[in-house]
N, C-alpha and C. Protein backbone atom coordinates (compact mmCIF):
# COMPACT_ATOMS: atom_id res chain seq x y z
N MET A 1 -40.86 33.97 -0.11
CA MET A 1 -42.31 33.73 0.31
C MET A 1 -43.05 33.58 -1.00
N LYS A 2 -43.83 32.61 -1.23
CA LYS A 2 -44.66 32.31 -2.08
C LYS A 2 -45.93 33.07 -2.12
N ASN A 3 -46.24 33.83 -3.38
CA ASN A 3 -47.42 34.75 -3.46
C ASN A 3 -48.20 34.26 -4.75
N ILE A 4 -49.45 34.25 -4.72
CA ILE A 4 -50.45 33.84 -5.99
C ILE A 4 -51.21 35.02 -5.97
N ARG A 5 -51.20 35.81 -7.06
CA ARG A 5 -52.00 37.03 -7.31
C ARG A 5 -52.39 37.18 -8.70
N LYS A 6 -53.27 38.06 -8.98
CA LYS A 6 -53.62 38.37 -10.26
C LYS A 6 -52.54 39.23 -11.01
N ALA A 7 -52.49 39.07 -12.32
CA ALA A 7 -51.32 39.60 -13.02
C ALA A 7 -51.70 41.10 -13.23
N THR A 8 -50.62 41.96 -13.41
CA THR A 8 -50.93 43.27 -13.88
C THR A 8 -50.06 43.57 -15.06
N LEU A 9 -50.21 44.85 -15.75
CA LEU A 9 -49.33 45.27 -16.71
C LEU A 9 -47.96 45.25 -16.33
N GLN A 10 -47.59 45.61 -15.14
CA GLN A 10 -46.15 45.68 -14.70
C GLN A 10 -45.57 44.34 -14.72
N ASP A 11 -46.18 43.19 -14.75
CA ASP A 11 -45.73 41.81 -15.00
C ASP A 11 -45.25 41.39 -16.10
N LEU A 12 -45.69 42.26 -17.13
CA LEU A 12 -45.60 41.89 -18.56
C LEU A 12 -44.10 41.28 -19.00
N PRO A 13 -43.12 41.94 -18.49
CA PRO A 13 -41.72 41.50 -18.93
C PRO A 13 -41.63 40.10 -18.58
N GLN A 14 -41.70 39.70 -17.24
CA GLN A 14 -41.45 38.36 -16.84
C GLN A 14 -42.72 37.46 -17.37
N LEU A 15 -43.92 37.79 -17.36
CA LEU A 15 -44.93 37.06 -17.88
C LEU A 15 -44.85 36.70 -19.17
N ALA A 16 -44.41 37.61 -20.12
CA ALA A 16 -44.12 37.23 -21.59
C ALA A 16 -43.06 36.25 -21.80
N GLU A 17 -42.16 36.13 -20.90
CA GLU A 17 -40.98 35.15 -20.91
C GLU A 17 -41.66 33.91 -20.64
N LEU A 18 -42.33 33.73 -19.32
CA LEU A 18 -43.12 32.46 -19.05
C LEU A 18 -44.20 32.02 -20.10
N PHE A 19 -44.77 33.00 -20.68
CA PHE A 19 -45.80 32.47 -21.75
C PHE A 19 -44.95 31.97 -22.98
N ASP A 20 -43.79 32.72 -23.28
CA ASP A 20 -42.94 32.30 -24.29
C ASP A 20 -42.64 30.62 -24.10
N GLN A 21 -42.09 30.52 -22.80
CA GLN A 21 -41.64 29.02 -22.47
C GLN A 21 -42.78 28.23 -22.51
N TYR A 22 -44.11 28.51 -22.22
CA TYR A 22 -45.13 27.83 -22.35
C TYR A 22 -45.44 27.32 -23.72
N ARG A 23 -45.30 28.45 -24.62
CA ARG A 23 -45.55 28.11 -25.93
C ARG A 23 -44.46 27.17 -26.68
N ILE A 24 -43.33 27.44 -26.43
CA ILE A 24 -42.17 26.54 -26.75
C ILE A 24 -42.46 25.04 -26.37
N PHE A 25 -42.90 24.94 -25.06
CA PHE A 25 -43.48 23.62 -24.48
C PHE A 25 -44.40 22.87 -25.48
N TYR A 26 -45.19 23.75 -26.17
CA TYR A 26 -46.34 23.22 -27.00
C TYR A 26 -45.71 23.11 -28.46
N HIS A 27 -44.43 23.33 -28.64
CA HIS A 27 -43.96 23.24 -30.19
C HIS A 27 -44.21 24.53 -30.93
N LYS A 28 -44.36 25.51 -30.28
CA LYS A 28 -44.54 26.85 -31.16
C LYS A 28 -43.05 27.58 -31.11
N GLU A 29 -42.77 28.46 -32.02
CA GLU A 29 -41.71 29.18 -32.16
C GLU A 29 -41.63 30.30 -31.18
N SER A 30 -40.44 30.43 -30.64
CA SER A 30 -40.43 31.61 -29.65
C SER A 30 -40.56 32.77 -30.27
N ASP A 31 -41.44 33.75 -29.50
CA ASP A 31 -41.76 34.92 -30.03
C ASP A 31 -42.16 35.98 -28.91
N ILE A 32 -41.20 36.51 -28.16
CA ILE A 32 -41.56 37.06 -26.94
C ILE A 32 -42.17 38.40 -27.19
N SER A 33 -41.88 39.22 -28.07
CA SER A 33 -42.65 40.51 -28.40
C SER A 33 -44.12 40.11 -28.80
N SER A 34 -44.34 39.19 -29.58
CA SER A 34 -45.81 38.89 -29.84
C SER A 34 -46.49 38.27 -28.53
N ALA A 35 -45.79 37.45 -27.81
CA ALA A 35 -46.37 37.04 -26.36
C ALA A 35 -46.65 38.19 -25.54
N ARG A 36 -45.77 39.35 -25.51
CA ARG A 36 -46.12 40.31 -24.78
C ARG A 36 -47.37 41.19 -24.99
N ASN A 37 -47.40 41.34 -26.53
CA ASN A 37 -48.62 41.98 -27.01
C ASN A 37 -49.84 41.28 -26.78
N PHE A 38 -49.75 40.06 -26.86
CA PHE A 38 -50.96 39.07 -26.71
C PHE A 38 -51.56 39.31 -25.25
N LEU A 39 -50.56 39.16 -24.39
CA LEU A 39 -50.78 39.11 -22.94
C LEU A 39 -51.48 40.64 -22.66
N GLN A 40 -50.82 41.47 -23.04
CA GLN A 40 -51.27 42.94 -22.84
C GLN A 40 -52.53 43.20 -23.26
N GLN A 41 -52.72 42.82 -24.51
CA GLN A 41 -54.27 42.99 -25.04
C GLN A 41 -55.18 42.15 -24.07
N ARG A 42 -54.84 40.96 -23.67
CA ARG A 42 -55.81 40.26 -22.69
C ARG A 42 -56.03 41.01 -21.40
N ILE A 43 -54.97 41.51 -20.69
CA ILE A 43 -55.07 42.30 -19.42
C ILE A 43 -55.91 43.53 -19.81
N GLU A 44 -55.40 44.53 -20.86
CA GLU A 44 -56.02 45.59 -20.99
C GLU A 44 -57.49 45.52 -21.41
N ASN A 45 -57.91 44.48 -22.26
CA ASN A 45 -59.24 44.42 -22.60
C ASN A 45 -60.22 43.61 -21.80
N LYS A 46 -59.39 43.03 -20.60
CA LYS A 46 -60.12 42.12 -19.67
C LYS A 46 -60.86 41.08 -20.29
N ASP A 47 -60.03 40.55 -21.21
CA ASP A 47 -60.46 39.27 -22.12
C ASP A 47 -60.39 38.02 -21.27
N SER A 48 -59.34 38.04 -20.33
CA SER A 48 -58.97 36.79 -19.56
C SER A 48 -58.76 37.20 -18.08
N GLU A 49 -58.58 36.18 -17.28
CA GLU A 49 -57.95 36.39 -16.00
C GLU A 49 -56.68 35.56 -15.93
N ILE A 50 -55.76 36.26 -15.48
CA ILE A 50 -54.10 35.80 -15.43
C ILE A 50 -53.94 35.73 -13.97
N PHE A 51 -53.40 34.65 -13.33
CA PHE A 51 -52.91 34.67 -12.02
C PHE A 51 -51.40 34.14 -12.39
N VAL A 52 -50.67 34.75 -11.38
CA VAL A 52 -49.24 34.47 -11.32
C VAL A 52 -48.70 33.87 -9.93
N ALA A 53 -47.61 32.95 -10.07
CA ALA A 53 -47.03 32.47 -8.79
C ALA A 53 -45.78 33.26 -8.83
N GLU A 54 -45.52 33.88 -7.48
CA GLU A 54 -44.25 34.64 -7.56
C GLU A 54 -43.49 34.41 -6.23
N ILE A 55 -42.06 34.24 -6.36
CA ILE A 55 -41.21 34.09 -5.21
C ILE A 55 -40.18 35.36 -5.01
N GLU A 56 -40.39 36.13 -4.00
CA GLU A 56 -39.48 37.26 -3.95
C GLU A 56 -39.19 37.96 -5.23
N GLY A 57 -40.49 38.33 -5.86
CA GLY A 57 -40.40 39.22 -6.93
C GLY A 57 -40.16 38.58 -8.43
N VAL A 58 -40.07 37.26 -8.42
CA VAL A 58 -39.69 36.53 -9.53
C VAL A 58 -40.95 35.86 -9.86
N LEU A 59 -41.52 35.84 -11.12
CA LEU A 59 -42.63 35.05 -11.47
C LEU A 59 -42.08 33.79 -12.08
N VAL A 60 -42.63 32.60 -11.32
CA VAL A 60 -42.36 31.21 -11.70
C VAL A 60 -43.37 30.45 -12.25
N GLY A 61 -44.56 31.00 -12.55
CA GLY A 61 -45.72 30.25 -13.13
C GLY A 61 -46.94 31.30 -13.40
N PHE A 62 -47.90 30.55 -14.15
CA PHE A 62 -49.16 31.48 -14.29
C PHE A 62 -50.08 30.52 -14.80
N THR A 63 -51.45 31.05 -14.60
CA THR A 63 -52.46 30.20 -15.16
C THR A 63 -53.34 31.39 -15.89
N GLN A 64 -54.08 31.01 -17.04
CA GLN A 64 -54.91 32.07 -17.61
C GLN A 64 -56.17 31.29 -18.05
N LEU A 65 -57.45 31.95 -17.58
CA LEU A 65 -58.63 31.50 -17.78
C LEU A 65 -59.49 32.56 -18.75
N TYR A 66 -60.42 32.01 -19.54
CA TYR A 66 -61.04 32.79 -20.29
C TYR A 66 -62.69 32.56 -20.18
N PRO A 67 -63.55 33.46 -19.91
CA PRO A 67 -65.04 33.31 -19.59
C PRO A 67 -65.75 32.83 -20.77
N ILE A 68 -66.38 31.52 -20.53
CA ILE A 68 -67.25 31.08 -21.47
C ILE A 68 -68.55 30.98 -20.81
N PHE A 69 -69.89 30.53 -21.45
CA PHE A 69 -71.02 30.49 -20.84
C PHE A 69 -71.76 29.05 -21.19
N SER A 70 -72.58 28.63 -20.18
CA SER A 70 -73.34 27.62 -20.23
C SER A 70 -74.81 28.01 -20.56
N SER A 71 -75.25 27.68 -21.80
CA SER A 71 -76.70 28.03 -21.97
C SER A 71 -77.79 27.26 -21.14
N THR A 72 -77.41 26.08 -20.94
CA THR A 72 -78.35 25.29 -20.30
C THR A 72 -78.33 25.58 -18.79
N ARG A 73 -77.20 26.15 -18.17
CA ARG A 73 -77.17 26.36 -16.90
C ARG A 73 -77.41 27.99 -16.64
N MET A 74 -77.35 28.49 -17.63
CA MET A 74 -77.49 29.98 -18.09
C MET A 74 -76.44 30.93 -16.72
N LYS A 75 -75.27 30.25 -16.83
CA LYS A 75 -74.32 30.73 -15.98
C LYS A 75 -72.93 30.87 -16.91
N ARG A 76 -72.06 31.58 -16.28
CA ARG A 76 -70.60 31.62 -16.75
C ARG A 76 -69.92 30.45 -16.38
N TYR A 77 -69.17 29.87 -17.23
CA TYR A 77 -67.95 28.91 -16.94
C TYR A 77 -66.54 29.68 -17.17
N TRP A 78 -65.65 29.00 -16.49
CA TRP A 78 -64.26 29.64 -16.91
C TRP A 78 -63.47 28.46 -17.61
N LEU A 79 -62.93 28.57 -18.64
CA LEU A 79 -62.03 27.64 -19.31
C LEU A 79 -60.63 27.99 -18.70
N LEU A 80 -59.97 27.06 -18.21
CA LEU A 80 -58.64 27.04 -17.71
C LEU A 80 -57.82 26.72 -18.99
N ASN A 81 -57.38 27.65 -19.86
CA ASN A 81 -56.67 27.42 -21.02
C ASN A 81 -55.16 27.12 -20.79
N ASP A 82 -54.57 27.81 -19.96
CA ASP A 82 -53.09 27.79 -19.84
C ASP A 82 -52.72 27.64 -18.26
N LEU A 83 -51.78 26.77 -17.95
CA LEU A 83 -51.30 26.56 -16.77
C LEU A 83 -49.83 26.06 -16.98
N TYR A 84 -48.79 27.07 -16.41
CA TYR A 84 -47.40 26.63 -16.72
C TYR A 84 -46.63 27.00 -15.53
N ILE A 85 -45.64 26.08 -15.14
CA ILE A 85 -44.65 26.48 -14.01
C ILE A 85 -43.26 26.29 -14.58
N ASN A 86 -42.42 27.14 -14.47
CA ASN A 86 -41.09 27.19 -14.90
C ASN A 86 -40.28 25.89 -14.47
N ASP A 87 -39.64 25.17 -15.36
CA ASP A 87 -38.98 23.86 -14.98
C ASP A 87 -38.43 23.72 -13.79
N HIS A 88 -37.71 24.78 -13.23
CA HIS A 88 -36.98 25.02 -12.01
C HIS A 88 -37.74 24.81 -10.78
N TYR A 89 -38.93 25.28 -11.01
CA TYR A 89 -40.07 25.29 -9.72
C TYR A 89 -41.11 24.36 -9.82
N ARG A 90 -40.99 23.36 -10.76
CA ARG A 90 -41.91 22.25 -10.71
C ARG A 90 -41.78 21.27 -9.35
N GLY A 91 -42.97 20.82 -9.12
CA GLY A 91 -42.95 19.93 -7.99
C GLY A 91 -42.87 20.42 -6.59
N LYS A 92 -43.26 21.88 -6.50
CA LYS A 92 -43.42 22.46 -5.38
C LYS A 92 -44.51 23.05 -4.91
N GLY A 93 -45.70 22.73 -5.56
CA GLY A 93 -47.09 22.85 -5.31
C GLY A 93 -47.60 24.13 -5.89
N TYR A 94 -46.80 24.90 -6.86
CA TYR A 94 -47.25 25.99 -7.37
C TYR A 94 -48.58 25.88 -8.26
N SER A 95 -48.60 24.69 -9.13
CA SER A 95 -49.81 24.37 -9.82
C SER A 95 -51.03 24.20 -9.16
N LYS A 96 -50.90 23.56 -7.99
CA LYS A 96 -52.11 23.44 -7.16
C LYS A 96 -52.27 24.72 -6.47
N ASP A 97 -51.43 25.50 -6.10
CA ASP A 97 -51.80 26.90 -5.53
C ASP A 97 -52.50 27.87 -6.62
N LEU A 98 -52.22 27.63 -7.93
CA LEU A 98 -52.77 28.47 -8.94
C LEU A 98 -54.14 28.11 -9.16
N ILE A 99 -54.25 26.68 -9.14
CA ILE A 99 -55.65 26.22 -9.27
C ILE A 99 -56.60 26.34 -8.34
N GLU A 100 -56.19 26.45 -7.03
CA GLU A 100 -56.82 26.94 -5.79
C GLU A 100 -57.34 28.48 -5.96
N LYS A 101 -56.40 29.17 -6.42
CA LYS A 101 -56.89 30.64 -6.85
C LYS A 101 -57.88 30.64 -7.65
N THR A 102 -57.80 29.83 -8.90
CA THR A 102 -58.98 30.05 -9.80
C THR A 102 -60.21 29.40 -9.28
N LYS A 103 -60.12 28.39 -8.45
CA LYS A 103 -61.56 27.91 -7.71
C LYS A 103 -62.08 29.21 -6.96
N GLU A 104 -61.25 29.94 -6.26
CA GLU A 104 -61.85 30.96 -5.67
C GLU A 104 -62.47 32.09 -6.51
N MET A 105 -61.73 32.40 -7.50
CA MET A 105 -62.17 33.16 -8.40
C MET A 105 -63.62 32.82 -9.01
N CYS A 106 -63.72 31.46 -9.30
CA CYS A 106 -65.04 30.80 -9.87
C CYS A 106 -65.97 31.01 -8.85
N LYS A 107 -65.87 30.84 -7.54
CA LYS A 107 -66.79 31.03 -6.59
C LYS A 107 -67.18 32.44 -6.40
N SER A 108 -66.13 33.31 -6.46
CA SER A 108 -66.54 34.62 -6.22
C SER A 108 -67.27 35.41 -7.48
N THR A 109 -67.10 34.66 -8.60
CA THR A 109 -67.77 35.22 -9.80
C THR A 109 -69.17 34.43 -10.11
N HIS A 110 -69.37 33.55 -9.08
CA HIS A 110 -70.73 32.93 -9.17
C HIS A 110 -70.72 32.03 -10.53
N ALA A 111 -69.53 31.65 -11.01
CA ALA A 111 -69.63 30.49 -12.01
C ALA A 111 -70.05 29.46 -11.52
N CYS A 112 -70.41 28.45 -12.69
CA CYS A 112 -70.79 27.18 -12.44
C CYS A 112 -69.58 26.23 -12.40
N GLY A 113 -68.49 26.57 -12.87
CA GLY A 113 -67.44 25.61 -12.78
C GLY A 113 -66.23 26.12 -13.62
N ILE A 114 -65.34 25.16 -13.71
CA ILE A 114 -64.02 25.45 -14.45
C ILE A 114 -63.92 24.09 -15.45
N LEU A 115 -63.85 24.49 -16.57
CA LEU A 115 -63.38 23.33 -17.71
C LEU A 115 -61.98 23.48 -18.22
N LEU A 116 -61.52 22.45 -18.38
CA LEU A 116 -60.05 22.34 -19.02
C LEU A 116 -59.95 21.11 -19.82
N GLU A 117 -58.88 21.24 -20.62
CA GLU A 117 -58.53 20.30 -21.62
C GLU A 117 -56.92 19.84 -21.43
N THR A 118 -56.70 18.59 -21.44
CA THR A 118 -55.27 18.22 -21.38
C THR A 118 -55.11 16.97 -22.20
N GLY A 119 -53.85 16.82 -22.82
CA GLY A 119 -53.60 15.59 -23.62
C GLY A 119 -53.80 14.35 -22.78
N LYS A 120 -53.98 13.26 -23.44
CA LYS A 120 -53.98 11.90 -22.88
C LYS A 120 -52.66 11.38 -22.31
N LYS A 121 -51.70 11.85 -23.11
CA LYS A 121 -50.18 11.66 -22.49
C LYS A 121 -49.65 12.58 -21.62
N ASN A 122 -50.39 13.46 -21.12
CA ASN A 122 -49.90 14.46 -20.13
C ASN A 122 -50.01 13.89 -18.76
N ASP A 123 -49.05 12.97 -18.50
CA ASP A 123 -49.17 12.35 -17.25
C ASP A 123 -49.07 13.27 -16.07
N ILE A 124 -48.58 14.19 -15.87
CA ILE A 124 -48.50 15.05 -14.93
C ILE A 124 -49.81 16.04 -14.73
N GLY A 125 -50.47 16.44 -15.93
CA GLY A 125 -51.76 16.98 -15.65
C GLY A 125 -52.79 15.99 -15.33
N ASN A 126 -52.63 14.64 -15.79
CA ASN A 126 -53.65 13.71 -15.62
C ASN A 126 -53.77 13.06 -14.31
N ILE A 127 -52.63 13.39 -13.42
CA ILE A 127 -52.57 13.14 -11.98
C ILE A 127 -52.95 14.60 -11.24
N LEU A 128 -52.56 15.59 -11.75
CA LEU A 128 -52.61 16.77 -11.04
C LEU A 128 -54.06 17.38 -11.03
N TYR A 129 -54.88 17.15 -12.22
CA TYR A 129 -56.37 17.74 -11.93
C TYR A 129 -56.94 17.05 -11.26
N PRO A 130 -57.10 15.53 -11.21
CA PRO A 130 -58.11 14.73 -10.36
C PRO A 130 -57.47 15.09 -8.90
N SER A 131 -56.52 15.11 -8.72
CA SER A 131 -55.94 15.55 -7.25
C SER A 131 -56.41 16.98 -6.65
N CYS A 132 -56.87 17.72 -7.79
CA CYS A 132 -57.31 19.14 -7.34
C CYS A 132 -58.86 19.16 -7.40
N GLY A 133 -59.58 18.02 -7.44
CA GLY A 133 -60.94 17.83 -7.44
C GLY A 133 -61.68 17.95 -8.92
N PHE A 134 -60.96 18.03 -9.95
CA PHE A 134 -61.44 17.88 -11.34
C PHE A 134 -61.89 16.39 -11.69
N GLU A 135 -63.05 16.46 -12.41
CA GLU A 135 -63.38 14.90 -12.70
C GLU A 135 -63.26 14.88 -14.30
N LEU A 136 -62.80 13.62 -14.55
CA LEU A 136 -62.77 13.40 -16.16
C LEU A 136 -64.21 13.19 -16.65
N TYR A 137 -64.48 13.92 -17.64
CA TYR A 137 -65.76 13.89 -18.10
C TYR A 137 -65.62 13.42 -19.67
N ASP A 138 -65.96 12.09 -19.67
CA ASP A 138 -65.57 11.25 -20.92
C ASP A 138 -66.97 10.96 -21.51
N SER A 139 -67.99 11.36 -21.18
CA SER A 139 -69.28 11.01 -21.92
C SER A 139 -69.58 11.88 -23.03
N VAL A 140 -68.70 12.75 -23.49
CA VAL A 140 -68.99 13.46 -24.77
C VAL A 140 -67.88 13.34 -25.67
N ASN A 141 -67.86 13.79 -26.91
CA ASN A 141 -66.71 13.52 -27.69
C ASN A 141 -66.34 14.97 -27.98
N PHE A 142 -65.09 15.36 -28.04
CA PHE A 142 -64.66 16.78 -28.22
C PHE A 142 -64.11 17.13 -29.51
N TYR A 143 -64.73 17.85 -30.22
CA TYR A 143 -64.38 18.01 -31.66
C TYR A 143 -63.79 19.55 -31.78
N GLU A 144 -63.08 19.61 -32.77
CA GLU A 144 -62.41 21.05 -33.27
C GLU A 144 -62.42 21.16 -34.68
N TRP A 145 -62.78 22.33 -35.00
CA TRP A 145 -62.69 22.77 -36.51
C TRP A 145 -61.50 23.98 -36.49
N THR A 146 -60.51 23.81 -37.42
CA THR A 146 -59.49 24.60 -37.42
C THR A 146 -59.71 25.53 -38.61
N ASN A 147 -59.60 26.67 -38.55
CA ASN A 147 -59.63 27.61 -39.71
C ASN A 147 -58.11 27.51 -40.47
N SER A 148 -58.16 27.12 -41.65
CA SER A 148 -56.89 26.74 -42.45
C SER A 148 -56.30 28.12 -43.12
N GLU A 149 -57.01 29.15 -43.11
CA GLU A 149 -56.64 30.49 -43.54
C GLU A 149 -55.41 30.91 -42.75
N LYS A 150 -54.36 31.30 -43.61
CA LYS A 150 -53.15 32.01 -42.89
C LYS A 150 -53.42 33.42 -42.48
N ASP A 151 -52.85 34.02 -41.55
CA ASP A 151 -53.12 35.25 -41.25
C ASP A 151 -52.11 36.05 -42.25
């Protein structure tokens, strides 16, 4: 049976594996130990909201959202930063279920909305997000400044 719920510290071993798969998908080096530490900090510090898709005790996907704020609306926004489903479970509706859970959280926290970014070549995401009610907001330019200092 499929279950969508908030992640807990007990989920860290499986969640770190999924998070590592997600990072590898985005061409980062595998580092499960750092993934586990990063997620543990997010959960313990309540820096983000993480929801997991679970089947019979096995985590098959997750989404992670960070709080941001709209000054003009004077309300919280949620940034849907990460969404990942293990390859073996894609196409079964888990992404949509996780997104629905994030919408419920958005409403329950009285936030003004959920923002996300995906690549123009992400064909799956560019079909998924509009099908879940997200609108493409192309009237602004998105800019990024990257700190080039190494840790």
